[in-house]
């Protein structure tokens, strides 16, 4: 059997389009399995037909997040056409996917340039809490949120907490945003120093981090974490855990907690804190739990089987459209993608 451990999973956008066209009723479930498998969509995202087949907001966010080449106007069409989600768990999963979908420079610049239209769209407003977990392109995210604030639209309350807890956003902006939204104050000790310590910690963790959470930077390379940074990160972990005492730490905030806790041996992350991380791709969730010293979650065997089928197909089929069509027919017939 092939060794899949070091594989960077990719599926051609034409294959995604073929599968969606073959079994349109199963498209939402198909995108869910793609997300669980951590398979990115290569090629022009517009070739997937995802903006033709009706999707709910969660599936649309995941499709945009998986796209290697994000076309902002296409993301806009996905978001505007998507049906809203009402289930609280689906909304939390939507925000998780939105962190990957929106936290990219081209999309953030597009949001800034089209802030009034974004603020007026219920679908876009529901996506924006994902920006609270962004750890790259933060200046662009801050600029995008600033321009949206100028429209005086009310945004989801989830963003207020995660934005304050994300030390990469400036203290001034976090305070202004919290006051504008009349949210509860959540203080991060020595905010700027904590962000520097967190960046250093991410370097130390290195390749143990899921690929989706890595960033190219060299802060602190080759040096251990100093005692002051370690103390700040320990306090930071405690602050996040106390903020989300009930219900667990949202997956949007998971990268912030995991990096800080991974390098502070005194930090203890309880099992229940990781409960919401099931909305992450399987490999990302497993790596996150391992880094904070929590036992892996037992996965649904049907989900594991569906992920394995798609991964094997990615290695075997490539651009073979006919093979992907046959796979879509067989998986739909067996209800592998059933919700």
C-alpha atoms as a PDB file:
ATOM      1  CA  UNK A   1       0.000   0.000   0.000  1.00  0.00           C
ATOM      2  CA  UNK A   2       1.335   3.516  -0.807  1.00  0.00           C
ATOM      3  CA  UNK A   3       2.681   5.668   2.026  1.00  0.00           C
ATOM      4  CA  UNK A   4       0.378   8.678   2.213  1.00  0.00           C
ATOM      5  CA  UNK A   5       1.995  10.376   5.212  1.00  0.00           C
ATOM      6  CA  UNK A   6       4.151  12.880   3.284  1.00  0.00           C
ATOM      7  CA  UNK A   7       1.768  13.456   0.376  1.00  0.00           C
ATOM      8  CA  UNK A   8       0.513  16.947  -0.400  1.00  0.00           C
ATOM      9  CA  UNK A   9      -3.019  16.178  -1.435  1.00  0.00           C
ATOM     10  CA  UNK A  10      -4.387  17.814  -4.586  1.00  0.00           C
ATOM     11  CA  UNK A  11      -7.347  17.214  -6.836  1.00  0.00           C
ATOM     12  CA  UNK A  12      -7.682  18.903 -10.251  1.00  0.00           C
ATOM     13  CA  UNK A  13     -10.467  21.467 -10.420  1.00  0.00           C
ATOM     14  CA  UNK A  14     -11.780  19.672 -13.526  1.00  0.00           C
ATOM     15  CA  UNK A  15     -12.175  16.513 -11.433  1.00  0.00           C
ATOM     16  CA  UNK A  16     -14.163  18.436  -8.814  1.00  0.00           C
ATOM     17  CA  UNK A  17     -16.393  19.799 -11.560  1.00  0.00           C
ATOM     18  CA  UNK A  18     -16.899  16.309 -12.981  1.00  0.00           C
ATOM     19  CA  UNK A  19     -17.836  14.851  -9.598  1.00  0.00           C
ATOM     20  CA  UNK A  20     -20.263  17.680  -8.812  1.00  0.00           C
ATOM     21  CA  UNK A  21     -21.863  17.422 -12.249  1.00  0.00           C
ATOM     22  CA  UNK A  22     -22.145  13.626 -11.918  1.00  0.00           C
ATOM     23  CA  UNK A  23     -23.908  13.737  -8.534  1.00  0.00           C
ATOM     24  CA  UNK A  24     -25.123  17.316  -7.882  1.00  0.00           C
ATOM     25  CA  UNK A  25     -27.326  16.225  -4.969  1.00  0.00           C
ATOM     26  CA  UNK A  26     -24.233  14.891  -3.214  1.00  0.00           C
ATOM     27  CA  UNK A  27     -22.048  17.963  -3.845  1.00  0.00           C
ATOM     28  CA  UNK A  28     -22.246  19.267  -0.282  1.00  0.00           C
ATOM     29  CA  UNK A  29     -21.240  15.889   1.136  1.00  0.00           C
ATOM     30  CA  UNK A  30     -18.465  15.578  -1.426  1.00  0.00           C
ATOM     31  CA  UNK A  31     -16.990  18.942  -0.423  1.00  0.00           C
ATOM     32  CA  UNK A  32     -17.266  17.876   3.226  1.00  0.00           C
ATOM     33  CA  UNK A  33     -15.130  14.788   2.542  1.00  0.00           C
ATOM     34  CA  UNK A  34     -12.645  16.871   0.531  1.00  0.00           C
ATOM     35  CA  UNK A  35     -12.331  19.128   3.569  1.00  0.00           C
ATOM     36  CA  UNK A  36     -11.906  16.232   5.990  1.00  0.00           C
ATOM     37  CA  UNK A  37      -9.228  14.759   3.735  1.00  0.00           C
ATOM     38  CA  UNK A  38      -7.368  18.075   3.467  1.00  0.00           C
ATOM     39  CA  UNK A  39      -7.284  17.864  -0.340  1.00  0.00           C
ATOM     40  CA  UNK A  40      -6.665  21.202  -2.056  1.00  0.00           C
ATOM     41  CA  UNK A  41      -8.211  22.043  -5.417  1.00  0.00           C
ATOM     42  CA  UNK A  42      -5.601  22.823  -8.076  1.00  0.00           C
ATOM     43  CA  UNK A  43      -6.299  24.769 -11.225  1.00  0.00           C
ATOM     44  CA  UNK A  44      -8.854  27.540 -11.808  1.00  0.00           C
ATOM     45  CA  UNK A  45     -11.519  27.259  -9.111  1.00  0.00           C
ATOM     46  CA  UNK A  46     -14.188  28.524 -11.518  1.00  0.00           C
ATOM     47  CA  UNK A  47     -13.909  25.194 -13.349  1.00  0.00           C
ATOM     48  CA  UNK A  48     -15.477  23.331 -10.420  1.00  0.00           C
ATOM     49  CA  UNK A  49     -19.099  24.292 -11.269  1.00  0.00           C
ATOM     50  CA  UNK A  50     -19.501  25.040  -7.569  1.00  0.00           C
ATOM     51  CA  UNK A  51     -21.193  28.351  -8.318  1.00  0.00           C
ATOM     52  CA  UNK A  52     -23.744  26.558 -10.534  1.00  0.00           C
ATOM     53  CA  UNK A  53     -24.811  23.852  -8.081  1.00  0.00           C
ATOM     54  CA  UNK A  54     -26.612  25.228  -4.979  1.00  0.00           C
ATOM     55  CA  UNK A  55     -24.440  24.964  -1.858  1.00  0.00           C
ATOM     56  CA  UNK A  56     -25.024  25.975   1.716  1.00  0.00           C
ATOM     57  CA  UNK A  57     -22.713  28.563   3.267  1.00  0.00           C
ATOM     58  CA  UNK A  58     -20.576  25.913   4.991  1.00  0.00           C
ATOM     59  CA  UNK A  59     -19.891  24.003   1.766  1.00  0.00           C
ATOM     60  CA  UNK A  60     -19.196  27.269  -0.077  1.00  0.00           C
ATOM     61  CA  UNK A  61     -16.673  28.358   2.566  1.00  0.00           C
ATOM     62  CA  UNK A  62     -14.934  24.996   2.462  1.00  0.00           C
ATOM     63  CA  UNK A  63     -14.782  25.015  -1.338  1.00  0.00           C
ATOM     64  CA  UNK A  64     -13.208  28.484  -1.293  1.00  0.00           C
ATOM     65  CA  UNK A  65     -10.777  27.433   1.452  1.00  0.00           C
ATOM     66  CA  UNK A  66      -9.583  24.374  -0.473  1.00  0.00           C
ATOM     67  CA  UNK A  67      -8.919  26.309  -3.677  1.00  0.00           C
ATOM     68  CA  UNK A  68      -5.179  26.715  -4.274  1.00  0.00           C
ATOM     69  CA  UNK A  69      -5.806  29.626  -6.671  1.00  0.00           C
ATOM     70  CA  UNK A  70      -8.489  31.797  -5.122  1.00  0.00           C
ATOM     71  CA  UNK A  71     -10.363  34.070  -7.510  1.00  0.00           C
ATOM     72  CA  UNK A  72     -12.035  36.743  -5.304  1.00  0.00           C
ATOM     73  CA  UNK A  73     -14.981  37.386  -7.689  1.00  0.00           C
ATOM     74  CA  UNK A  74     -15.657  33.634  -7.714  1.00  0.00           C
ATOM     75  CA  UNK A  75     -15.556  33.524  -3.903  1.00  0.00           C
ATOM     76  CA  UNK A  76     -18.020  36.426  -3.943  1.00  0.00           C
ATOM     77  CA  UNK A  77     -20.416  34.470  -6.183  1.00  0.00           C
ATOM     78  CA  UNK A  78     -20.083  31.399  -3.951  1.00  0.00           C
ATOM     79  CA  UNK A  79     -20.869  33.373  -0.809  1.00  0.00           C
ATOM     80  CA  UNK A  80     -23.795  35.319  -2.249  1.00  0.00           C
ATOM     81  CA  UNK A  81     -25.472  32.270  -3.793  1.00  0.00           C
ATOM     82  CA  UNK A  82     -25.063  30.047  -0.731  1.00  0.00           C
ATOM     83  CA  UNK A  83     -27.960  29.120   1.506  1.00  0.00           C
ATOM     84  CA  UNK A  84     -27.551  30.218   5.146  1.00  0.00           C
ATOM     85  CA  UNK A  85     -26.857  27.730   7.925  1.00  0.00           C
ATOM     86  CA  UNK A  86     -28.781  27.817  11.185  1.00  0.00           C
ATOM     87  CA  UNK A  87     -27.204  25.004  13.188  1.00  0.00           C
ATOM     88  CA  UNK A  88     -24.675  26.431  15.729  1.00  0.00           C
ATOM     89  CA  UNK A  89     -22.166  23.667  14.976  1.00  0.00           C
ATOM     90  CA  UNK A  90     -22.397  24.367  11.244  1.00  0.00           C
ATOM     91  CA  UNK A  91     -21.886  28.083  11.893  1.00  0.00           C
ATOM     92  CA  UNK A  92     -18.759  27.341  13.928  1.00  0.00           C
ATOM     93  CA  UNK A  93     -17.476  25.054  11.158  1.00  0.00           C
ATOM     94  CA  UNK A  94     -18.223  27.822   8.629  1.00  0.00           C
ATOM     95  CA  UNK A  95     -16.051  30.256  10.582  1.00  0.00           C
ATOM     96  CA  UNK A  96     -13.261  27.649  10.692  1.00  0.00           C
ATOM     97  CA  UNK A  97     -13.249  27.280   6.912  1.00  0.00           C
ATOM     98  CA  UNK A  98     -13.558  31.034   6.464  1.00  0.00           C
ATOM     99  CA  UNK A  99     -10.222  31.547   8.234  1.00  0.00           C
ATOM    100  CA  UNK A 100      -8.524  29.708   5.351  1.00  0.00           C
ATOM    101  CA  UNK A 101     -10.795  31.086   2.630  1.00  0.00           C
ATOM    102  CA  UNK A 102     -10.533  34.767   3.588  1.00  0.00           C
ATOM    103  CA  UNK A 103      -7.062  34.936   5.147  1.00  0.00           C
ATOM    104  CA  UNK A 104      -5.347  35.332   1.773  1.00  0.00           C
ATOM    105  CA  UNK A 105      -3.950  38.550   0.420  1.00  0.00           C
ATOM    106  CA  UNK A 106      -6.007  38.698  -2.854  1.00  0.00           C
ATOM    107  CA  UNK A 107      -9.299  38.049  -1.038  1.00  0.00           C
ATOM    108  CA  UNK A 108      -8.530  40.530   1.746  1.00  0.00           C
ATOM    109  CA  UNK A 109      -7.655  43.241  -0.780  1.00  0.00           C
ATOM    110  CA  UNK A 110     -10.897  42.509  -2.646  1.00  0.00           C
ATOM    111  CA  UNK A 111     -12.903  42.818   0.584  1.00  0.00           C
ATOM    112  CA  UNK A 112     -11.289  46.189   1.302  1.00  0.00           C
ATOM    113  CA  UNK A 113     -12.078  47.438  -2.205  1.00  0.00           C
ATOM    114  CA  UNK A 114     -15.690  46.236  -1.957  1.00  0.00           C
ATOM    115  CA  UNK A 115     -16.412  46.874   1.718  1.00  0.00           C
ATOM    116  CA  UNK A 116     -19.935  48.374   1.301  1.00  0.00           C
ATOM    117  CA  UNK A 117     -21.116  45.401  -0.784  1.00  0.00           C
ATOM    118  CA  UNK A 118     -19.518  42.930   1.632  1.00  0.00           C
ATOM    119  CA  UNK A 119     -21.068  44.615   4.670  1.00  0.00           C
ATOM    120  CA  UNK A 120     -24.503  44.583   3.025  1.00  0.00           C
ATOM    121  CA  UNK A 121     -24.356  40.845   2.275  1.00  0.00           C
ATOM    122  CA  UNK A 122     -25.635  38.516   5.052  1.00  0.00           C
ATOM    123  CA  UNK A 123     -23.481  35.711   3.624  1.00  0.00           C
ATOM    124  CA  UNK A 124     -20.309  37.768   3.751  1.00  0.00           C
ATOM    125  CA  UNK A 125     -21.028  39.011   7.270  1.00  0.00           C
ATOM    126  CA  UNK A 126     -21.423  35.402   8.415  1.00  0.00           C
ATOM    127  CA  UNK A 127     -17.994  34.577   6.933  1.00  0.00           C
ATOM    128  CA  UNK A 128     -16.112  37.416   8.609  1.00  0.00           C
ATOM    129  CA  UNK A 129     -15.655  35.783  12.074  1.00  0.00           C
ATOM    130  CA  UNK A 130     -13.074  33.573  10.372  1.00  0.00           C
ATOM    131  CA  UNK A 131     -10.740  36.562  10.235  1.00  0.00           C
ATOM    132  CA  UNK A 132     -10.332  36.395  13.997  1.00  0.00           C
ATOM    133  CA  UNK A 133      -8.045  33.399  13.563  1.00  0.00           C
ATOM    134  CA  UNK A 134      -5.854  34.805  10.780  1.00  0.00           C
ATOM    135  CA  UNK A 135      -2.129  34.636  11.626  1.00  0.00           C
ATOM    136  CA  UNK A 136      -0.776  35.734   8.231  1.00  0.00           C
ATOM    137  CA  UNK A 137      -1.659  38.873   6.230  1.00  0.00           C
ATOM    138  CA  UNK A 138      -2.894  40.431   9.478  1.00  0.00           C
ATOM    139  CA  UNK A 139      -2.351  44.050   8.342  1.00  0.00           C
ATOM    140  CA  UNK A 140      -4.561  43.338   5.321  1.00  0.00           C
ATOM    141  CA  UNK A 141      -7.200  41.690   7.529  1.00  0.00           C
ATOM    142  CA  UNK A 142      -7.137  44.680   9.872  1.00  0.00           C
ATOM    143  CA  UNK A 143      -7.541  47.078   6.947  1.00  0.00           C
ATOM    144  CA  UNK A 144     -10.439  45.032   5.542  1.00  0.00           C
ATOM    145  CA  UNK A 145     -12.257  44.980   8.885  1.00  0.00           C
ATOM    146  CA  UNK A 146     -11.588  48.697   9.372  1.00  0.00           C
ATOM    147  CA  UNK A 147     -13.254  49.570   6.071  1.00  0.00           C
ATOM    148  CA  UNK A 148     -16.224  47.347   6.951  1.00  0.00           C
ATOM    149  CA  UNK A 149     -16.543  49.058  10.340  1.00  0.00           C
ATOM    150  CA  UNK A 150     -16.927  52.369   8.528  1.00  0.00           C
ATOM    151  CA  UNK A 151     -20.171  51.048   6.997  1.00  0.00           C
ATOM    152  CA  UNK A 152     -21.618  50.760  10.550  1.00  0.00           C
ATOM    153  CA  UNK A 153     -22.977  47.267   9.986  1.00  0.00           C
ATOM    154  CA  UNK A 154     -23.446  44.925  12.926  1.00  0.00           C
ATOM    155  CA  UNK A 155     -21.138  41.902  12.653  1.00  0.00           C
ATOM    156  CA  UNK A 156     -21.387  38.490  14.376  1.00  0.00           C
ATOM    157  CA  UNK A 157     -20.386  38.539  18.036  1.00  0.00           C
ATOM    158  CA  UNK A 158     -17.949  35.613  17.605  1.00  0.00           C
ATOM    159  CA  UNK A 159     -15.482  37.929  15.874  1.00  0.00           C
ATOM    160  CA  UNK A 160     -15.241  40.282  18.859  1.00  0.00           C
ATOM    161  CA  UNK A 161     -13.765  37.622  21.159  1.00  0.00           C
ATOM    162  CA  UNK A 162     -11.379  35.962  18.693  1.00  0.00           C
ATOM    163  CA  UNK A 163     -10.070  39.282  17.383  1.00  0.00           C
ATOM    164  CA  UNK A 164      -9.183  40.459  20.914  1.00  0.00           C
ATOM    165  CA  UNK A 165      -7.480  37.143  21.655  1.00  0.00           C
ATOM    166  CA  UNK A 166      -5.429  37.248  18.461  1.00  0.00           C
ATOM    167  CA  UNK A 167      -2.297  39.196  19.494  1.00  0.00           C
ATOM    168  CA  UNK A 168      -1.373  39.795  15.866  1.00  0.00           C
ATOM    169  CA  UNK A 169      -4.078  42.453  15.625  1.00  0.00           C
ATOM    170  CA  UNK A 170      -2.923  45.735  17.127  1.00  0.00           C
ATOM    171  CA  UNK A 171      -4.198  46.597  20.589  1.00  0.00           C
ATOM    172  CA  UNK A 172      -5.575  49.881  19.284  1.00  0.00           C
ATOM    173  CA  UNK A 173      -7.618  48.190  16.584  1.00  0.00           C
ATOM    174  CA  UNK A 174      -8.866  45.442  18.911  1.00  0.00           C
ATOM    175  CA  UNK A 175     -10.033  48.069  21.416  1.00  0.00           C
ATOM    176  CA  UNK A 176     -11.772  50.172  18.773  1.00  0.00           C
ATOM    177  CA  UNK A 177     -13.504  47.134  17.331  1.00  0.00           C
ATOM    178  CA  UNK A 178     -14.656  45.894  20.738  1.00  0.00           C
ATOM    179  CA  UNK A 179     -16.082  49.295  21.669  1.00  0.00           C
ATOM    180  CA  UNK A 180     -17.809  49.662  18.316  1.00  0.00           C
ATOM    181  CA  UNK A 181     -19.477  46.241  18.746  1.00  0.00           C
ATOM    182  CA  UNK A 182     -20.098  46.777  22.490  1.00  0.00           C
ATOM    183  CA  UNK A 183     -18.391  43.478  23.257  1.00  0.00           C
ATOM    184  CA  UNK A 184     -16.947  42.155  26.500  1.00  0.00           C
ATOM    185  CA  UNK A 185     -13.353  43.191  27.145  1.00  0.00           C
ATOM    186  CA  UNK A 186     -10.776  40.393  26.907  1.00  0.00           C
ATOM    187  CA  UNK A 187      -7.255  41.514  27.769  1.00  0.00           C
ATOM    188  CA  UNK A 188      -4.050  39.883  26.481  1.00  0.00           C
ATOM    189  CA  UNK A 189      -1.053  40.621  28.696  1.00  0.00           C
ATOM    190  CA  UNK A 190       1.707  42.558  26.904  1.00  0.00           C
ATOM    191  CA  UNK A 191      -0.001  42.142  23.549  1.00  0.00           C
ATOM    192  CA  UNK A 192       2.925  43.032  21.271  1.00  0.00           C
ATOM    193  CA  UNK A 193       5.411  40.961  23.273  1.00  0.00           C
ATOM    194  CA  UNK A 194       3.003  38.026  23.266  1.00  0.00           C
ATOM    195  CA  UNK A 195       2.744  38.154  19.460  1.00  0.00           C
ATOM    196  CA  UNK A 196       6.538  38.127  19.191  1.00  0.00           C
ATOM    197  CA  UNK A 197       6.757  35.187  21.581  1.00  0.00           C
ATOM    198  CA  UNK A 198       4.030  33.371  19.655  1.00  0.00           C
ATOM    199  CA  UNK A 199       5.907  33.897  16.381  1.00  0.00           C
ATOM    200  CA  UNK A 200       9.078  32.532  17.986  1.00  0.00           C
ATOM    201  CA  UNK A 201       7.075  29.565  19.316  1.00  0.00           C
ATOM    202  CA  UNK A 202       5.779  28.790  15.830  1.00  0.00           C
ATOM    203  CA  UNK A 203       9.380  28.596  14.611  1.00  0.00           C
ATOM    204  CA  UNK A 204      10.243  26.195  17.430  1.00  0.00           C
ATOM    205  CA  UNK A 205       7.269  23.941  16.675  1.00  0.00           C
ATOM    206  CA  UNK A 206       8.281  23.984  12.996  1.00  0.00           C
ATOM    207  CA  UNK A 207       7.114  21.118  10.821  1.00  0.00           C
ATOM    208  CA  UNK A 208       5.113  19.540  13.623  1.00  0.00           C
ATOM    209  CA  UNK A 209       2.521  22.185  12.848  1.00  0.00           C
ATOM    210  CA  UNK A 210      -0.119  21.358  10.224  1.00  0.00           C
ATOM    211  CA  UNK A 211       0.847  22.794   6.862  1.00  0.00           C
ATOM    212  CA  UNK A 212      -2.236  25.062   6.897  1.00  0.00           C
ATOM    213  CA  UNK A 213      -0.919  26.836  10.005  1.00  0.00           C
ATOM    214  CA  UNK A 214       2.661  27.417   8.900  1.00  0.00           C
ATOM    215  CA  UNK A 215       4.132  30.662   7.684  1.00  0.00           C
ATOM    216  CA  UNK A 216       7.498  31.616   6.209  1.00  0.00           C
ATOM    217  CA  UNK A 217       9.348  33.637   8.807  1.00  0.00           C
ATOM    218  CA  UNK A 218      12.636  33.358  10.658  1.00  0.00           C
ATOM    219  CA  UNK A 219      11.877  34.924  14.010  1.00  0.00           C
ATOM    220  CA  UNK A 220      13.889  33.231  16.753  1.00  0.00           C
ATOM    221  CA  UNK A 221      15.458  30.557  14.529  1.00  0.00           C
ATOM    222  CA  UNK A 222      17.955  28.462  16.492  1.00  0.00           C
ATOM    223  CA  UNK A 223      17.243  30.103  19.843  1.00  0.00           C
ATOM    224  CA  UNK A 224      15.236  28.697  22.755  1.00  0.00           C
ATOM    225  CA  UNK A 225      12.240  30.568  24.125  1.00  0.00           C
ATOM    226  CA  UNK A 226      13.368  33.037  26.811  1.00  0.00           C
ATOM    227  CA  UNK A 227      11.758  32.955  30.257  1.00  0.00           C
ATOM    228  CA  UNK A 228       9.825  36.188  29.730  1.00  0.00           C
ATOM    229  CA  UNK A 229       8.206  34.932  26.502  1.00  0.00           C
ATOM    230  CA  UNK A 230       7.469  31.584  28.127  1.00  0.00           C
ATOM    231  CA  UNK A 231       5.680  33.333  31.006  1.00  0.00           C
ATOM    232  CA  UNK A 232       3.672  35.460  28.581  1.00  0.00           C
ATOM    233  CA  UNK A 233       2.618  32.430  26.529  1.00  0.00           C
ATOM    234  CA  UNK A 234       1.612  30.512  29.664  1.00  0.00           C
ATOM    235  CA  UNK A 235      -0.603  33.437  30.662  1.00  0.00           C
ATOM    236  CA  UNK A 236      -1.930  33.606  27.097  1.00  0.00           C
ATOM    237  CA  UNK A 237      -2.950  29.934  27.128  1.00  0.00           C
ATOM    238  CA  UNK A 238      -4.691  30.488  30.458  1.00  0.00           C
ATOM    239  CA  UNK A 239      -6.539  33.511  29.072  1.00  0.00           C
ATOM    240  CA  UNK A 240      -7.874  31.573  26.081  1.00  0.00           C
ATOM    241  CA  UNK A 241      -8.979  28.623  28.233  1.00  0.00           C
ATOM    242  CA  UNK A 242     -10.725  30.904  30.737  1.00  0.00           C
ATOM    243  CA  UNK A 243     -12.476  32.800  27.941  1.00  0.00           C
ATOM    244  CA  UNK A 244     -13.934  29.564  26.561  1.00  0.00           C
ATOM    245  CA  UNK A 245     -14.564  27.705  29.830  1.00  0.00           C
ATOM    246  CA  UNK A 246     -17.734  26.107  28.452  1.00  0.00           C
ATOM    247  CA  UNK A 247     -18.147  24.509  25.030  1.00  0.00           C
ATOM    248  CA  UNK A 248     -14.443  24.268  24.237  1.00  0.00           C
ATOM    249  CA  UNK A 249     -12.043  26.506  22.313  1.00  0.00           C
ATOM    250  CA  UNK A 250     -13.421  27.344  18.832  1.00  0.00           C
ATOM    251  CA  UNK A 251     -11.417  25.889  15.958  1.00  0.00           C
ATOM    252  CA  UNK A 252     -10.894  29.433  14.654  1.00  0.00           C
ATOM    253  CA  UNK A 253      -8.770  30.128  17.734  1.00  0.00           C
ATOM    254  CA  UNK A 254      -7.133  26.679  17.790  1.00  0.00           C
ATOM    255  CA  UNK A 255      -3.882  27.729  16.009  1.00  0.00           C
ATOM    256  CA  UNK A 256      -3.341  30.502  18.558  1.00  0.00           C
ATOM    257  CA  UNK A 257      -3.807  28.143  21.494  1.00  0.00           C
ATOM    258  CA  UNK A 258      -1.927  25.180  20.012  1.00  0.00           C
ATOM    259  CA  UNK A 259       1.263  27.068  19.142  1.00  0.00           C
ATOM    260  CA  UNK A 260       1.419  28.741  22.554  1.00  0.00           C
ATOM    261  CA  UNK A 261       0.643  25.563  24.515  1.00  0.00           C
ATOM    262  CA  UNK A 262       3.014  23.378  22.484  1.00  0.00           C
ATOM    263  CA  UNK A 263       6.107  25.211  23.742  1.00  0.00           C
ATOM    264  CA  UNK A 264       5.012  25.751  27.350  1.00  0.00           C
ATOM    265  CA  UNK A 265       5.262  22.462  29.266  1.00  0.00           C
ATOM    266  CA  UNK A 266       3.427  23.955  32.248  1.00  0.00           C
ATOM    267  CA  UNK A 267       0.332  24.642  30.120  1.00  0.00           C
ATOM    268  CA  UNK A 268      -2.404  22.025  30.475  1.00  0.00           C
ATOM    269  CA  UNK A 269      -5.143  21.922  27.838  1.00  0.00           C
ATOM    270  CA  UNK A 270      -8.137  19.842  28.991  1.00  0.00           C
ATOM    271  CA  UNK A 271      -9.778  17.294  26.700  1.00  0.00           C
ATOM    272  CA  UNK A 272     -13.048  19.230  26.489  1.00  0.00           C
ATOM    273  CA  UNK A 273     -11.229  22.289  25.144  1.00  0.00           C
ATOM    274  CA  UNK A 274     -10.495  20.395  21.908  1.00  0.00           C
ATOM    275  CA  UNK A 275     -14.084  19.240  21.315  1.00  0.00           C
ATOM    276  CA  UNK A 276     -14.878  21.908  18.652  1.00  0.00           C
ATOM    277  CA  UNK A 277     -11.762  20.987  16.647  1.00  0.00           C
ATOM    278  CA  UNK A 278     -13.674  18.207  14.896  1.00  0.00           C
ATOM    279  CA  UNK A 279     -14.595  20.863  12.304  1.00  0.00           C
ATOM    280  CA  UNK A 280     -10.935  20.940  11.197  1.00  0.00           C
ATOM    281  CA  UNK A 281      -9.558  18.563   8.538  1.00  0.00           C
ATOM    282  CA  UNK A 282      -8.716  15.205  10.115  1.00  0.00           C
ATOM    283  CA  UNK A 283      -4.929  15.548   9.828  1.00  0.00           C
ATOM    284  CA  UNK A 284      -4.984  19.100  11.201  1.00  0.00           C
ATOM    285  CA  UNK A 285      -7.103  18.073  14.172  1.00  0.00           C
ATOM    286  CA  UNK A 286      -4.845  15.102  14.921  1.00  0.00           C
ATOM    287  CA  UNK A 287      -1.692  17.245  14.801  1.00  0.00           C
ATOM    288  CA  UNK A 288      -3.273  19.941  16.982  1.00  0.00           C
ATOM    289  CA  UNK A 289      -4.337  17.460  19.639  1.00  0.00           C
ATOM    290  CA  UNK A 290      -0.909  15.843  19.646  1.00  0.00           C
ATOM    291  CA  UNK A 291       0.860  19.199  20.079  1.00  0.00           C
ATOM    292  CA  UNK A 292      -1.199  20.047  23.171  1.00  0.00           C
ATOM    293  CA  UNK A 293      -0.774  16.525  24.546  1.00  0.00           C
ATOM    294  CA  UNK A 294      -4.381  15.335  24.132  1.00  0.00           C
ATOM    295  CA  UNK A 295      -5.296  11.840  22.938  1.00  0.00           C
ATOM    296  CA  UNK A 296      -6.542  11.615  19.316  1.00  0.00           C
ATOM    297  CA  UNK A 297     -10.274  11.640  18.676  1.00  0.00           C
ATOM    298  CA  UNK A 298     -11.879   8.417  17.506  1.00  0.00           C
ATOM    299  CA  UNK A 299     -13.038   9.039  13.933  1.00  0.00           C
ATOM    300  CA  UNK A 300     -16.196   7.716  12.308  1.00  0.00           C
ATOM    301  CA  UNK A 301     -15.144   4.662  10.213  1.00  0.00           C
ATOM    302  CA  UNK A 302     -17.323   5.797   7.299  1.00  0.00           C
ATOM    303  CA  UNK A 303     -15.550   9.174   7.233  1.00  0.00           C
ATOM    304  CA  UNK A 304     -12.164   7.469   7.314  1.00  0.00           C
ATOM    305  CA  UNK A 305     -13.162   5.189   4.420  1.00  0.00           C
ATOM    306  CA  UNK A 306     -14.409   8.097   2.296  1.00  0.00           C
ATOM    307  CA  UNK A 307     -11.198  10.043   2.919  1.00  0.00           C
ATOM    308  CA  UNK A 308      -9.091   7.005   1.960  1.00  0.00           C
ATOM    309  CA  UNK A 309     -11.043   6.517  -1.290  1.00  0.00           C
ATOM    310  CA  UNK A 310     -10.511  10.121  -2.363  1.00  0.00           C
ATOM    311  CA  UNK A 311      -6.826  10.101  -1.476  1.00  0.00           C
ATOM    312  CA  UNK A 312      -6.197   6.943  -3.476  1.00  0.00           C
ATOM    313  CA  UNK A 313      -8.133   8.416  -6.405  1.00  0.00           C
ATOM    314  CA  UNK A 314      -6.006  11.593  -6.306  1.00  0.00           C
ATOM    315  CA  UNK A 315      -2.879   9.468  -6.726  1.00  0.00           C
ATOM    316  CA  UNK A 316      -4.350   7.238  -9.433  1.00  0.00           C
ATOM    317  CA  UNK A 317      -6.645   9.341 -11.638  1.00  0.00           C
ATOM    318  CA  UNK A 318      -4.975  12.703 -12.209  1.00  0.00           C
ATOM    319  CA  UNK A 319      -6.743  14.458 -15.088  1.00  0.00           C
ATOM    320  CA  UNK A 320      -8.685  11.343 -16.182  1.00  0.00           C
ATOM    321  CA  UNK A 321     -12.178  12.855 -16.319  1.00  0.00           C
ATOM    322  CA  UNK A 322     -13.872   9.564 -17.183  1.00  0.00           C
ATOM    323  CA  UNK A 323     -12.346   7.833 -14.148  1.00  0.00           C
ATOM    324  CA  UNK A 324     -13.545  10.634 -11.868  1.00  0.00           C
ATOM    325  CA  UNK A 325     -17.042  10.404 -13.377  1.00  0.00           C
ATOM    326  CA  UNK A 326     -17.160   6.668 -12.695  1.00  0.00           C
ATOM    327  CA  UNK A 327     -15.973   7.242  -9.127  1.00  0.00           C
ATOM    328  CA  UNK A 328     -18.683   9.856  -8.579  1.00  0.00           C
ATOM    329  CA  UNK A 329     -21.365   7.481  -9.824  1.00  0.00           C
ATOM    330  CA  UNK A 330     -20.175   4.634  -7.598  1.00  0.00           C
ATOM    331  CA  UNK A 331     -19.775   6.780  -4.475  1.00  0.00           C
ATOM    332  CA  UNK A 332     -23.160   8.405  -4.945  1.00  0.00           C
ATOM    333  CA  UNK A 333     -24.779   5.013  -5.439  1.00  0.00           C
ATOM    334  CA  UNK A 334     -23.200   3.753  -2.215  1.00  0.00           C
ATOM    335  CA  UNK A 335     -24.194   6.976  -0.372  1.00  0.00           C
ATOM    336  CA  UNK A 336     -20.579   7.601   0.615  1.00  0.00           C
ATOM    337  CA  UNK A 337     -21.188  11.332   0.414  1.00  0.00           C
ATOM    338  CA  UNK A 338     -24.543  11.232   2.191  1.00  0.00           C
ATOM    339  CA  UNK A 339     -25.028  13.930   4.817  1.00  0.00           C
END
